Amino acid sequence: MMKMKTGTTPPVISGGGGAGSSGNEWESRPGGMVVQRRTDQSSDVPRVIRVRVKYGSVYHEIPINSQSSFGELKKMLTDQTGLHHEDMKILYKDKERDSKMFLDLCGVKDRSKLVLKEDPISQEKRLLEKRKNAAIEKASKSISDISLEVDRLAGQVSAFEMVINKGGKVEEKSLVNLIEMLMNQLLRLDAIIADGDVKLKRKLQVKRIQKYVEALDVLKVKNATKKVEISKSVRHKPQTQPQTQIQHQQRDLLSFVEQEEEEPRNSGVSSSGTPAAVVTNPWEIFDSTSASKAVEPVKPIPPRFKWEFFD
């Protein structure tokens, strides 16, 4: 039996026979056996394999890269099985394989058999997450709509504030209606249940509405005080004008009475030649309404019917 010397290599049949080149064609295994190194590197190049996946009673043959993950395999099975890739559970050699694990590292080869099952726990988690995301999206949309409505109402608040600050007057009913509309938006915000960023947005809108309501309360008080001042000024103006009218009417009445007294005196002197006795009576002065009625001449009323006279 021929013995192999340490540090020597057997002669190489193919490829330029130097010692340096022959040393690259041998390798030592973990058991101490020296074997010839593989010259073809085809094992390191990824290749396409076909795996057979059983789902229920149906087999699906899937062509896939040997270095792909089980997650990629699940996505490829979605079109053929109709399941969501997050609801799948793949078993290989009676063990569940995680989606992040790779096929070649788990020993999956060409024509290997795998089993696909539906995972109810993952499906329930996914549905809960989907429902939660839908609720968050709905709450965010509702807050956006409320924000647009509050912006529109804020324009009316600014307009009322400008009018009242300039000394104008606004109907109290308009202010009350605007406060009610803002309070309705506040009730809509209270009905929204949200967490995280959506909750922060809702809190900001609540503070905005409260600020506008407080501003309207202040404007309402200012508007009420101006209304009282205007009513007082209107009430004082009519009192001054009737007094002057009454004074003029009393003055006209006295002049009319004096003229009436002078007329009998003149008539008595001209008829007899001797001054006639003049009777003076005390005259009573009535208010403006009675005096004006007494002074007005009586107009003749025309006959309504034509009368026929018989002999």
C-alpha atoms as a PDB file:
ATOM      1  CA  MET A   1       0.000   0.000   0.000  1.00  0.00           C
ATOM      2  CA  MET A   2       1.413   3.355  -0.996  1.00  0.00           C
ATOM      3  CA  LYS A   3       1.793   5.960   1.732  1.00  0.00           C
ATOM      4  CA  MET A   4       1.142   9.659   1.186  1.00  0.00           C
ATOM      5  CA  LYS A   5       3.842  11.965   2.421  1.00  0.00           C
ATOM      6  CA  THR A   6       2.933  15.079   4.409  1.00  0.00           C
ATOM      7  CA  GLY A   7       3.018  18.310   2.446  1.00  0.00           C
ATOM      8  CA  THR A   8       2.990  16.604  -0.955  1.00  0.00           C
ATOM      9  CA  THR A   9       0.126  16.539  -3.424  1.00  0.00           C
ATOM     10  CA  PRO A  10      -0.729  13.942  -5.968  1.00  0.00           C
ATOM     11  CA  PRO A  11      -0.048  14.806  -9.565  1.00  0.00           C
ATOM     12  CA  VAL A  12      -2.722  16.656 -11.443  1.00  0.00           C
ATOM     13  CA  ILE A  13      -4.013  15.154 -14.609  1.00  0.00           C
ATOM     14  CA  SER A  14      -5.466  18.289 -16.190  1.00  0.00           C
ATOM     15  CA  GLY A  15      -4.143  21.830 -16.138  1.00  0.00           C
ATOM     16  CA  GLY A  16      -0.409  22.984 -15.992  1.00  0.00           C
ATOM     17  CA  GLY A  17       1.365  20.696 -13.495  1.00  0.00           C
ATOM     18  CA  GLY A  18       3.147  23.049 -11.077  1.00  0.00           C
ATOM     19  CA  ALA A  19       3.096  22.673  -7.332  1.00  0.00           C
ATOM     20  CA  GLY A  20       1.392  26.022  -6.824  1.00  0.00           C
ATOM     21  CA  SER A  21      -1.351  25.224  -9.270  1.00  0.00           C
ATOM     22  CA  SER A  22      -1.898  21.689  -7.965  1.00  0.00           C
ATOM     23  CA  GLY A  23      -2.371  22.927  -4.393  1.00  0.00           C
ATOM     24  CA  ASN A  24      -5.523  24.779  -5.349  1.00  0.00           C
ATOM     25  CA  GLU A  25      -7.219  21.568  -6.593  1.00  0.00           C
ATOM     26  CA  TRP A  26      -7.249  19.712  -3.241  1.00  0.00           C
ATOM     27  CA  GLU A  27      -9.150  20.464  -0.058  1.00  0.00           C
ATOM     28  CA  SER A  28      -9.368  18.983   3.385  1.00  0.00           C
ATOM     29  CA  ARG A  29     -12.728  17.832   4.750  1.00  0.00           C
ATOM     30  CA  PRO A  30     -13.660  18.211   8.482  1.00  0.00           C
ATOM     31  CA  GLY A  31     -12.939  14.469   9.034  1.00  0.00           C
ATOM     32  CA  GLY A  32      -9.364  14.925   7.842  1.00  0.00           C
ATOM     33  CA  MET A  33      -9.896  13.393   4.407  1.00  0.00           C
ATOM     34  CA  VAL A  34      -8.199  15.199   1.550  1.00  0.00           C
ATOM     35  CA  VAL A  35     -10.349  15.308  -1.567  1.00  0.00           C
ATOM     36  CA  GLN A  36     -10.141  17.006  -4.911  1.00  0.00           C
ATOM     37  CA  ARG A  37     -11.611  20.534  -5.000  1.00  0.00           C
ATOM     38  CA  ARG A  38     -14.635  21.051  -7.213  1.00  0.00           C
ATOM     39  CA  THR A  39     -13.749  22.944 -10.298  1.00  0.00           C
ATOM     40  CA  ASP A  40     -17.341  23.797 -11.352  1.00  0.00           C
ATOM     41  CA  GLN A  41     -18.953  26.624  -9.406  1.00  0.00           C
ATOM     42  CA  SER A  42     -22.495  25.762 -10.482  1.00  0.00           C
ATOM     43  CA  SER A  43     -23.527  25.041  -6.870  1.00  0.00           C
ATOM     44  CA  ASP A  44     -23.004  28.696  -5.912  1.00  0.00           C
ATOM     45  CA  VAL A  45     -25.096  30.059  -8.784  1.00  0.00           C
ATOM     46  CA  PRO A  46     -28.829  30.402  -7.925  1.00  0.00           C
ATOM     47  CA  ARG A  47     -30.995  28.204 -10.071  1.00  0.00           C
ATOM     48  CA  VAL A  48     -34.707  27.746 -10.599  1.00  0.00           C
ATOM     49  CA  ILE A  49     -36.321  24.794  -8.896  1.00  0.00           C
ATOM     50  CA  ARG A  50     -39.840  23.429  -8.961  1.00  0.00           C
ATOM     51  CA  VAL A  51     -41.581  22.766  -5.663  1.00  0.00           C
ATOM     52  CA  ARG A  52     -44.889  21.001  -5.170  1.00  0.00           C
ATOM     53  CA  VAL A  53     -47.198  22.669  -2.695  1.00  0.00           C
ATOM     54  CA  LYS A  54     -50.257  20.816  -1.411  1.00  0.00           C
ATOM     55  CA  TYR A  55     -53.290  22.888  -0.406  1.00  0.00           C
ATOM     56  CA  GLY A  56     -56.213  20.773   0.656  1.00  0.00           C
ATOM     57  CA  SER A  57     -56.405  18.033  -1.955  1.00  0.00           C
ATOM     58  CA  VAL A  58     -54.810  20.020  -4.778  1.00  0.00           C
ATOM     59  CA  TYR A  59     -51.132  20.158  -5.679  1.00  0.00           C
ATOM     60  CA  HIS A  60     -49.613  23.343  -7.094  1.00  0.00           C
ATOM     61  CA  GLU A  61     -46.262  23.205  -8.864  1.00  0.00           C
ATOM     62  CA  ILE A  62     -44.404  26.496  -8.444  1.00  0.00           C
ATOM     63  CA  PRO A  63     -41.161  27.427 -10.257  1.00  0.00           C
ATOM     64  CA  ILE A  64     -39.059  29.543  -7.896  1.00  0.00           C
ATOM     65  CA  ASN A  65     -35.477  30.578  -7.281  1.00  0.00           C
ATOM     66  CA  SER A  66     -33.648  28.240  -4.931  1.00  0.00           C
ATOM     67  CA  GLN A  67     -32.421  31.175  -2.807  1.00  0.00           C
ATOM     68  CA  SER A  68     -35.874  32.757  -2.391  1.00  0.00           C
ATOM     69  CA  SER A  69     -37.624  33.027   0.941  1.00  0.00           C
ATOM     70  CA  PHE A  70     -40.812  31.346   2.073  1.00  0.00           C
ATOM     71  CA  GLY A  71     -42.482  34.781   2.091  1.00  0.00           C
ATOM     72  CA  GLU A  72     -41.875  35.120  -1.643  1.00  0.00           C
ATOM     73  CA  LEU A  73     -43.267  31.644  -2.163  1.00  0.00           C
ATOM     74  CA  LYS A  74     -46.423  32.632  -0.256  1.00  0.00           C
ATOM     75  CA  LYS A  75     -46.916  35.660  -2.501  1.00  0.00           C
ATOM     76  CA  MET A  76     -46.628  33.458  -5.577  1.00  0.00           C
ATOM     77  CA  LEU A  77     -49.256  31.108  -4.138  1.00  0.00           C
ATOM     78  CA  THR A  78     -51.744  33.975  -3.600  1.00  0.00           C
ATOM     79  CA  ASP A  79     -52.876  34.008  -7.241  1.00  0.00           C
ATOM     80  CA  GLN A  80     -53.450  30.247  -7.371  1.00  0.00           C
ATOM     81  CA  THR A  81     -55.069  29.705  -3.961  1.00  0.00           C
ATOM     82  CA  GLY A  82     -56.865  33.024  -3.415  1.00  0.00           C
ATOM     83  CA  LEU A  83     -55.493  33.357   0.121  1.00  0.00           C
ATOM     84  CA  HIS A  84     -53.743  36.407   1.475  1.00  0.00           C
ATOM     85  CA  HIS A  85     -50.036  35.817   1.902  1.00  0.00           C
ATOM     86  CA  GLU A  86     -50.251  36.852   5.566  1.00  0.00           C
ATOM     87  CA  ASP A  87     -52.916  34.199   6.218  1.00  0.00           C
ATOM     88  CA  MET A  88     -50.730  31.301   4.962  1.00  0.00           C
ATOM     89  CA  LYS A  89     -48.737  28.778   6.901  1.00  0.00           C
ATOM     90  CA  ILE A  90     -46.196  26.567   5.010  1.00  0.00           C
ATOM     91  CA  LEU A  91     -44.946  23.278   6.452  1.00  0.00           C
ATOM     92  CA  TYR A  92     -41.804  21.547   5.253  1.00  0.00           C
ATOM     93  CA  LYS A  93     -40.876  18.210   6.809  1.00  0.00           C
ATOM     94  CA  ASP A  94     -43.735  18.687   9.301  1.00  0.00           C
ATOM     95  CA  LYS A  95     -42.301  21.977  10.576  1.00  0.00           C
ATOM     96  CA  GLU A  96     -43.730  25.449  10.078  1.00  0.00           C
ATOM     97  CA  ARG A  97     -41.329  27.697   8.221  1.00  0.00           C
ATOM     98  CA  ASP A  98     -41.130  31.402   8.887  1.00  0.00           C
ATOM     99  CA  SER A  99     -41.638  33.818   5.991  1.00  0.00           C
ATOM    100  CA  LYS A 100     -38.116  35.230   6.445  1.00  0.00           C
ATOM    101  CA  MET A 101     -36.385  31.854   6.118  1.00  0.00           C
ATOM    102  CA  PHE A 102     -34.763  30.850   2.788  1.00  0.00           C
ATOM    103  CA  LEU A 103     -35.561  27.723   0.815  1.00  0.00           C
ATOM    104  CA  ASP A 104     -31.982  26.509   0.214  1.00  0.00           C
ATOM    105  CA  LEU A 105     -30.978  26.976   3.848  1.00  0.00           C
ATOM    106  CA  CYS A 106     -33.936  24.847   4.956  1.00  0.00           C
ATOM    107  CA  GLY A 107     -32.978  22.097   2.504  1.00  0.00           C
ATOM    108  CA  VAL A 108     -35.685  22.646  -0.079  1.00  0.00           C
ATOM    109  CA  LYS A 109     -34.601  21.155  -3.389  1.00  0.00           C
ATOM    110  CA  ASP A 110     -36.094  20.546  -6.778  1.00  0.00           C
ATOM    111  CA  ARG A 111     -39.368  18.565  -6.649  1.00  0.00           C
ATOM    112  CA  SER A 112     -39.597  18.990  -2.860  1.00  0.00           C
ATOM    113  CA  LYS A 113     -43.048  18.708  -1.314  1.00  0.00           C
ATOM    114  CA  LEU A 114     -44.518  21.406   0.939  1.00  0.00           C
ATOM    115  CA  VAL A 115     -47.881  21.720   2.652  1.00  0.00           C
ATOM    116  CA  LEU A 116     -49.897  24.942   2.690  1.00  0.00           C
ATOM    117  CA  LYS A 117     -52.451  25.625   5.416  1.00  0.00           C
ATOM    118  CA  GLU A 118     -54.612  28.586   6.333  1.00  0.00           C
ATOM    119  CA  ASP A 119     -53.623  30.313   9.564  1.00  0.00           C
ATOM    120  CA  PRO A 120     -56.784  31.550  11.354  1.00  0.00           C
ATOM    121  CA  ILE A 121     -54.829  33.462  14.001  1.00  0.00           C
ATOM    122  CA  SER A 122     -52.912  35.447  11.412  1.00  0.00           C
ATOM    123  CA  GLN A 123     -56.121  36.053   9.494  1.00  0.00           C
ATOM    124  CA  GLU A 124     -57.840  37.408  12.593  1.00  0.00           C
ATOM    125  CA  LYS A 125     -54.899  39.681  13.377  1.00  0.00           C
ATOM    126  CA  ARG A 126     -54.880  40.995   9.846  1.00  0.00           C
ATOM    127  CA  LEU A 127     -58.623  41.695   9.888  1.00  0.00           C
ATOM    128  CA  LEU A 128     -58.337  43.495  13.218  1.00  0.00           C
ATOM    129  CA  GLU A 129     -55.484  45.578  11.898  1.00  0.00           C
ATOM    130  CA  LYS A 130     -57.435  46.352   8.746  1.00  0.00           C
ATOM    131  CA  ARG A 131     -60.470  47.396  10.751  1.00  0.00           C
ATOM    132  CA  LYS A 132     -58.322  49.579  12.978  1.00  0.00           C
ATOM    133  CA  ASN A 133     -56.731  51.298   9.991  1.00  0.00           C
ATOM    134  CA  ALA A 134     -60.154  51.852   8.437  1.00  0.00           C
ATOM    135  CA  ALA A 135     -61.412  53.468  11.667  1.00  0.00           C
ATOM    136  CA  ILE A 136     -58.360  55.722  11.826  1.00  0.00           C
ATOM    137  CA  GLU A 137     -58.828  56.760   8.209  1.00  0.00           C
ATOM    138  CA  LYS A 138     -62.515  57.488   8.761  1.00  0.00           C
ATOM    139  CA  ALA A 139     -61.791  59.552  11.879  1.00  0.00           C
ATOM    140  CA  SER A 140     -59.105  61.504  10.052  1.00  0.00           C
ATOM    141  CA  LYS A 141     -61.499  62.269   7.182  1.00  0.00           C
ATOM    142  CA  SER A 142     -64.223  63.406   9.610  1.00  0.00           C
ATOM    143  CA  ILE A 143     -61.797  65.738  11.373  1.00  0.00           C
ATOM    144  CA  SER A 144     -60.735  67.183   8.010  1.00  0.00           C
ATOM    145  CA  ASP A 145     -64.391  67.888   7.101  1.00  0.00           C
ATOM    146  CA  ILE A 146     -64.995  69.527  10.488  1.00  0.00           C
ATOM    147  CA  SER A 147     -61.861  71.631  10.042  1.00  0.00           C
ATOM    148  CA  LEU A 148     -63.150  72.957   6.710  1.00  0.00           C
ATOM    149  CA  GLU A 149     -66.523  73.809   8.258  1.00  0.00           C
ATOM    150  CA  VAL A 150     -64.842  75.580  11.187  1.00  0.00           C
ATOM    151  CA  ASP A 151     -62.766  77.616   8.740  1.00  0.00           C
ATOM    152  CA  ARG A 152     -65.964  78.753   7.029  1.00  0.00           C
ATOM    153  CA  LEU A 153     -67.573  79.728  10.336  1.00  0.00           C
ATOM    154  CA  ALA A 154     -64.380  81.486  11.423  1.00  0.00           C
ATOM    155  CA  GLY A 155     -64.810  83.855   8.459  1.00  0.00           C
ATOM    156  CA  GLN A 156     -68.255  84.852   9.772  1.00  0.00           C
ATOM    157  CA  VAL A 157     -66.825  85.414  13.259  1.00  0.00           C
ATOM    158  CA  SER A 158     -64.180  87.751  11.826  1.00  0.00           C
ATOM    159  CA  ALA A 159     -66.824  89.654   9.839  1.00  0.00           C
ATOM    160  CA  PHE A 160     -69.052  90.166  12.915  1.00  0.00           C
ATOM    161  CA  GLU A 161     -66.063  91.222  14.983  1.00  0.00           C
ATOM    162  CA  MET A 162     -65.083  93.827  12.407  1.00  0.00           C
ATOM    163  CA  VAL A 163     -68.599  95.275  12.247  1.00  0.00           C
ATOM    164  CA  ILE A 164     -69.038  95.517  16.030  1.00  0.00           C
ATOM    165  CA  ASN A 165     -65.566  96.957  16.636  1.00  0.00           C
ATOM    166  CA  LYS A 166     -66.279  99.698  14.098  1.00  0.00           C
ATOM    167  CA  GLY A 167     -69.379 100.718  16.040  1.00  0.00           C
ATOM    168  CA  GLY A 168     -71.929  98.834  13.983  1.00  0.00           C
ATOM    169  CA  LYS A 169     -74.709  96.617  15.238  1.00  0.00           C
ATOM    170  CA  VAL A 170     -75.419  92.963  14.419  1.00  0.00           C
ATOM    171  CA  GLU A 171     -78.639  91.064  14.988  1.00  0.00           C
ATOM    172  CA  GLU A 172     -78.436  88.991  18.118  1.00  0.00           C
ATOM    173  CA  LYS A 173     -80.103  86.083  16.344  1.00  0.00           C
ATOM    174  CA  SER A 174     -77.186  85.863  13.901  1.00  0.00           C
ATOM    175  CA  LEU A 175     -74.690  85.625  16.755  1.00  0.00           C
ATOM    176  CA  VAL A 176     -76.740  82.946  18.517  1.00  0.00           C
ATOM    177  CA  ASN A 177     -77.059  80.875  15.338  1.00  0.00           C
ATOM    178  CA  LEU A 178     -73.319  81.051  14.743  1.00  0.00           C
ATOM    179  CA  ILE A 179     -72.614  79.885  18.305  1.00  0.00           C
ATOM    180  CA  GLU A 180     -75.014  76.972  17.844  1.00  0.00           C
ATOM    181  CA  MET A 181     -73.298  75.895  14.611  1.00  0.00           C
ATOM    182  CA  LEU A 182     -69.906  75.927  16.329  1.00  0.00           C
ATOM    183  CA  MET A 183     -71.284  73.891  19.221  1.00  0.00           C
ATOM    184  CA  ASN A 184     -72.639  71.319  16.758  1.00  0.00           C
ATOM    185  CA  GLN A 185     -69.149  70.905  15.328  1.00  0.00           C
ATOM    186  CA  LEU A 186     -67.830  70.458  18.855  1.00  0.00           C
ATOM    187  CA  LEU A 187     -70.333  67.669  19.459  1.00  0.00           C
ATOM    188  CA  ARG A 188     -69.200  65.962  16.244  1.00  0.00           C
ATOM    189  CA  LEU A 189     -65.615  66.073  17.483  1.00  0.00           C
ATOM    190  CA  ASP A 190     -66.584  64.580  20.834  1.00  0.00           C
ATOM    191  CA  ALA A 191     -68.141  61.605  19.052  1.00  0.00           C
ATOM    192  CA  ILE A 192     -64.847  60.753  17.287  1.00  0.00           C
ATOM    193  CA  ILE A 193     -62.733  58.117  19.039  1.00  0.00           C
ATOM    194  CA  ALA A 194     -59.097  58.131  17.931  1.00  0.00           C
ATOM    195  CA  ASP A 195     -55.535  57.633  19.119  1.00  0.00           C
ATOM    196  CA  GLY A 196     -52.135  59.009  18.240  1.00  0.00           C
ATOM    197  CA  ASP A 197     -51.909  61.741  15.635  1.00  0.00           C
ATOM    198  CA  VAL A 198     -55.644  61.725  14.960  1.00  0.00           C
ATOM    199  CA  LYS A 199     -56.336  62.403  18.626  1.00  0.00           C
ATOM    200  CA  LEU A 200     -53.923  65.335  18.553  1.00  0.00           C
ATOM    201  CA  LYS A 201     -55.697  66.782  15.496  1.00  0.00           C
ATOM    202  CA  ARG A 202     -59.053  66.481  17.234  1.00  0.00           C
ATOM    203  CA  LYS A 203     -57.704  68.277  20.304  1.00  0.00           C
ATOM    204  CA  LEU A 204     -56.472  71.177  18.171  1.00  0.00           C
ATOM    205  CA  GLN A 205     -59.885  71.568  16.521  1.00  0.00           C
ATOM    206  CA  VAL A 206     -61.621  71.545  19.916  1.00  0.00           C
ATOM    207  CA  LYS A 207     -59.388  74.386  21.112  1.00  0.00           C
ATOM    208  CA  ARG A 208     -60.129  76.365  17.940  1.00  0.00           C
ATOM    209  CA  ILE A 209     -63.882  76.045  18.384  1.00  0.00           C
ATOM    210  CA  GLN A 210     -63.710  77.005  22.060  1.00  0.00           C
ATOM    211  CA  LYS A 211     -61.726  80.122  21.161  1.00  0.00           C
ATOM    212  CA  TYR A 212     -64.315  81.193  18.563  1.00  0.00           C
ATOM    213  CA  VAL A 213     -67.222  80.585  20.950  1.00  0.00           C
ATOM    214  CA  GLU A 214     -65.566  82.712  23.626  1.00  0.00           C
ATOM    215  CA  ALA A 215     -64.981  85.493  21.088  1.00  0.00           C
ATOM    216  CA  LEU A 216     -68.661  85.374  20.064  1.00  0.00           C
ATOM    217  CA  ASP A 217     -69.742  85.629  23.707  1.00  0.00           C
ATOM    218  CA  VAL A 218     -67.682  88.804  24.071  1.00  0.00           C
ATOM    219  CA  LEU A 219     -69.139  90.217  20.849  1.00  0.00           C
ATOM    220  CA  LYS A 220     -72.619  89.371  22.059  1.00  0.00           C
ATOM    221  CA  VAL A 221     -72.103  91.437  25.215  1.00  0.00           C
ATOM    222  CA  LYS A 222     -70.706  94.387  23.240  1.00  0.00           C
ATOM    223  CA  ASN A 223     -73.585  94.223  20.798  1.00  0.00           C
ATOM    224  CA  ALA A 224     -76.132  94.212  23.649  1.00  0.00           C
ATOM    225  CA  THR A 225     -74.582  97.299  25.309  1.00  0.00           C
ATOM    226  CA  LYS A 226     -74.634  99.194  22.017  1.00  0.00           C
ATOM    227  CA  LYS A 227     -78.258  98.243  21.517  1.00  0.00           C
ATOM    228  CA  VAL A 228     -79.162  99.741  24.904  1.00  0.00           C
ATOM    229  CA  GLU A 229     -77.302 102.964  24.119  1.00  0.00           C
ATOM    230  CA  ILE A 230     -79.079 103.324  20.785  1.00  0.00           C
ATOM    231  CA  SER A 231     -82.495 102.764  22.371  1.00  0.00           C
ATOM    232  CA  LYS A 232     -81.772 105.423  25.009  1.00  0.00           C
ATOM    233  CA  SER A 233     -80.742 107.987  22.424  1.00  0.00           C
ATOM    234  CA  VAL A 234     -83.845 107.263  20.351  1.00  0.00           C
ATOM    235  CA  ARG A 235     -86.021 107.594  23.435  1.00  0.00           C
ATOM    236  CA  HIS A 236     -84.594 111.029  24.369  1.00  0.00           C
ATOM    237  CA  LYS A 237     -84.881 112.549  20.922  1.00  0.00           C
ATOM    238  CA  PRO A 238     -88.710 112.414  20.611  1.00  0.00           C
ATOM    239  CA  GLN A 239     -89.143 114.037  24.050  1.00  0.00           C
ATOM    240  CA  THR A 240     -87.315 117.232  23.048  1.00  0.00           C
ATOM    241  CA  GLN A 241     -89.121 117.717  19.766  1.00  0.00           C
ATOM    242  CA  PRO A 242     -92.738 117.480  21.075  1.00  0.00           C
ATOM    243  CA  GLN A 243     -91.923 120.044  23.767  1.00  0.00           C
ATOM    244  CA  THR A 244     -90.953 122.616  21.158  1.00  0.00           C
ATOM    245  CA  GLN A 245     -94.031 121.785  19.126  1.00  0.00           C
ATOM    246  CA  ILE A 246     -96.237 122.234  22.196  1.00  0.00           C
ATOM    247  CA  GLN A 247     -94.648 125.616  22.939  1.00  0.00           C
ATOM    248  CA  HIS A 248     -95.300 126.822  19.378  1.00  0.00           C
ATOM    249  CA  GLN A 249     -98.884 125.560  19.475  1.00  0.00           C
ATOM    250  CA  GLN A 250     -99.533 127.295  22.820  1.00  0.00           C
ATOM    251  CA  ARG A 251     -98.073 130.519  21.423  1.00  0.00           C
ATOM    252  CA  ASP A 252    -100.337 130.305  18.347  1.00  0.00           C
ATOM    253  CA  LEU A 253    -103.340 129.636  20.569  1.00  0.00           C
ATOM    254  CA  LEU A 254    -102.679 132.710  22.724  1.00  0.00           C
ATOM    255  CA  SER A 255    -102.356 134.950  19.658  1.00  0.00           C
ATOM    256  CA  PHE A 256    -105.645 133.566  18.308  1.00  0.00           C
ATOM    257  CA  VAL A 257    -107.400 134.274  21.604  1.00  0.00           C
ATOM    258  CA  GLU A 258    -106.120 137.845  21.670  1.00  0.00           C
ATOM    259  CA  GLN A 259    -107.446 138.417  18.159  1.00  0.00           C
ATOM    260  CA  GLU A 260    -110.859 137.106  19.191  1.00  0.00           C
ATOM    261  CA  GLU A 261    -110.946 139.543  22.138  1.00  0.00           C
ATOM    262  CA  GLU A 262    -110.070 142.550  19.977  1.00  0.00           C
ATOM    263  CA  GLU A 263    -112.769 141.902  17.353  1.00  0.00           C
ATOM    264  CA  PRO A 264    -115.808 142.469  19.713  1.00  0.00           C
ATOM    265  CA  ARG A 265    -114.254 145.645  21.060  1.00  0.00           C
ATOM    266  CA  ASN A 266    -113.855 147.174  17.611  1.00  0.00           C
ATOM    267  CA  SER A 267    -117.376 146.205  16.562  1.00  0.00           C
ATOM    268  CA  GLY A 268    -118.933 147.817  19.705  1.00  0.00           C
ATOM    269  CA  VAL A 269    -117.172 151.153  19.229  1.00  0.00           C
ATOM    270  CA  SER A 270    -118.089 151.557  15.552  1.00  0.00           C
ATOM    271  CA  SER A 271    -121.856 150.850  15.938  1.00  0.00           C
ATOM    272  CA  SER A 272    -122.931 153.150  18.828  1.00  0.00           C
ATOM    273  CA  GLY A 273    -120.092 155.587  18.960  1.00  0.00           C
ATOM    274  CA  THR A 274    -119.707 154.892  22.612  1.00  0.00           C
ATOM    275  CA  PRO A 275    -117.451 152.261  23.967  1.00  0.00           C
ATOM    276  CA  ALA A 276    -119.486 149.219  24.709  1.00  0.00           C
ATOM    277  CA  ALA A 277    -119.050 147.184  27.760  1.00  0.00           C
ATOM    278  CA  VAL A 278    -116.674 144.353  27.054  1.00  0.00           C
ATOM    279  CA  VAL A 279    -117.156 141.177  28.980  1.00  0.00           C
ATOM    280  CA  THR A 280    -113.949 139.383  29.637  1.00  0.00           C
ATOM    281  CA  ASN A 281    -114.107 135.766  30.573  1.00  0.00           C
ATOM    282  CA  PRO A 282    -111.286 133.708  31.914  1.00  0.00           C
ATOM    283  CA  TRP A 283    -109.893 131.518  29.131  1.00  0.00           C
ATOM    284  CA  GLU A 284    -108.671 128.055  29.752  1.00  0.00           C
ATOM    285  CA  ILE A 285    -105.608 126.775  27.967  1.00  0.00           C
ATOM    286  CA  PHE A 286    -105.891 123.179  26.880  1.00  0.00           C
ATOM    287  CA  ASP A 287    -103.210 120.836  25.725  1.00  0.00           C
ATOM    288  CA  SER A 288    -101.913 120.777  22.178  1.00  0.00           C
ATOM    289  CA  THR A 289    -104.262 118.117  20.929  1.00  0.00           C
ATOM    290  CA  SER A 290    -107.475 119.832  22.114  1.00  0.00           C
ATOM    291  CA  ALA A 291    -106.254 123.228  20.913  1.00  0.00           C
ATOM    292  CA  SER A 292    -105.383 121.951  17.504  1.00  0.00           C
ATOM    293  CA  LYS A 293    -108.791 120.330  17.238  1.00  0.00           C
ATOM    294  CA  ALA A 294    -110.525 123.553  18.274  1.00  0.00           C
ATOM    295  CA  VAL A 295    -108.610 125.638  15.768  1.00  0.00           C
ATOM    296  CA  GLU A 296    -109.336 123.430  12.773  1.00  0.00           C
ATOM    297  CA  PRO A 297    -112.270 124.857  10.706  1.00  0.00           C
ATOM    298  CA  VAL A 298    -115.279 122.713  10.078  1.00  0.00           C
ATOM    299  CA  LYS A 299    -115.645 121.760   6.433  1.00  0.00           C
ATOM    300  CA  PRO A 300    -119.162 121.417   4.958  1.00  0.00           C
ATOM    301  CA  ILE A 301    -120.147 117.919   4.024  1.00  0.00           C
ATOM    302  CA  PRO A 302    -121.579 117.604   0.505  1.00  0.00           C
ATOM    303  CA  PRO A 303    -124.974 115.840   0.240  1.00  0.00           C
ATOM    304  CA  ARG A 304    -124.845 112.219  -0.662  1.00  0.00           C
ATOM    305  CA  PHE A 305    -128.308 112.042  -2.345  1.00  0.00           C
ATOM    306  CA  LYS A 306    -130.270 114.325  -4.676  1.00  0.00           C
ATOM    307  CA  TRP A 307    -133.657 115.190  -3.189  1.00  0.00           C
ATOM    308  CA  GLU A 308    -136.682 115.902  -5.348  1.00  0.00           C
ATOM    309  CA  PHE A 309    -139.208 118.468  -4.111  1.00  0.00           C
ATOM    310  CA  PHE A 310    -142.923 118.028  -4.933  1.00  0.00           C
ATOM    311  CA  ASP A 311    -145.631 120.775  -4.919  1.00  0.00           C
END
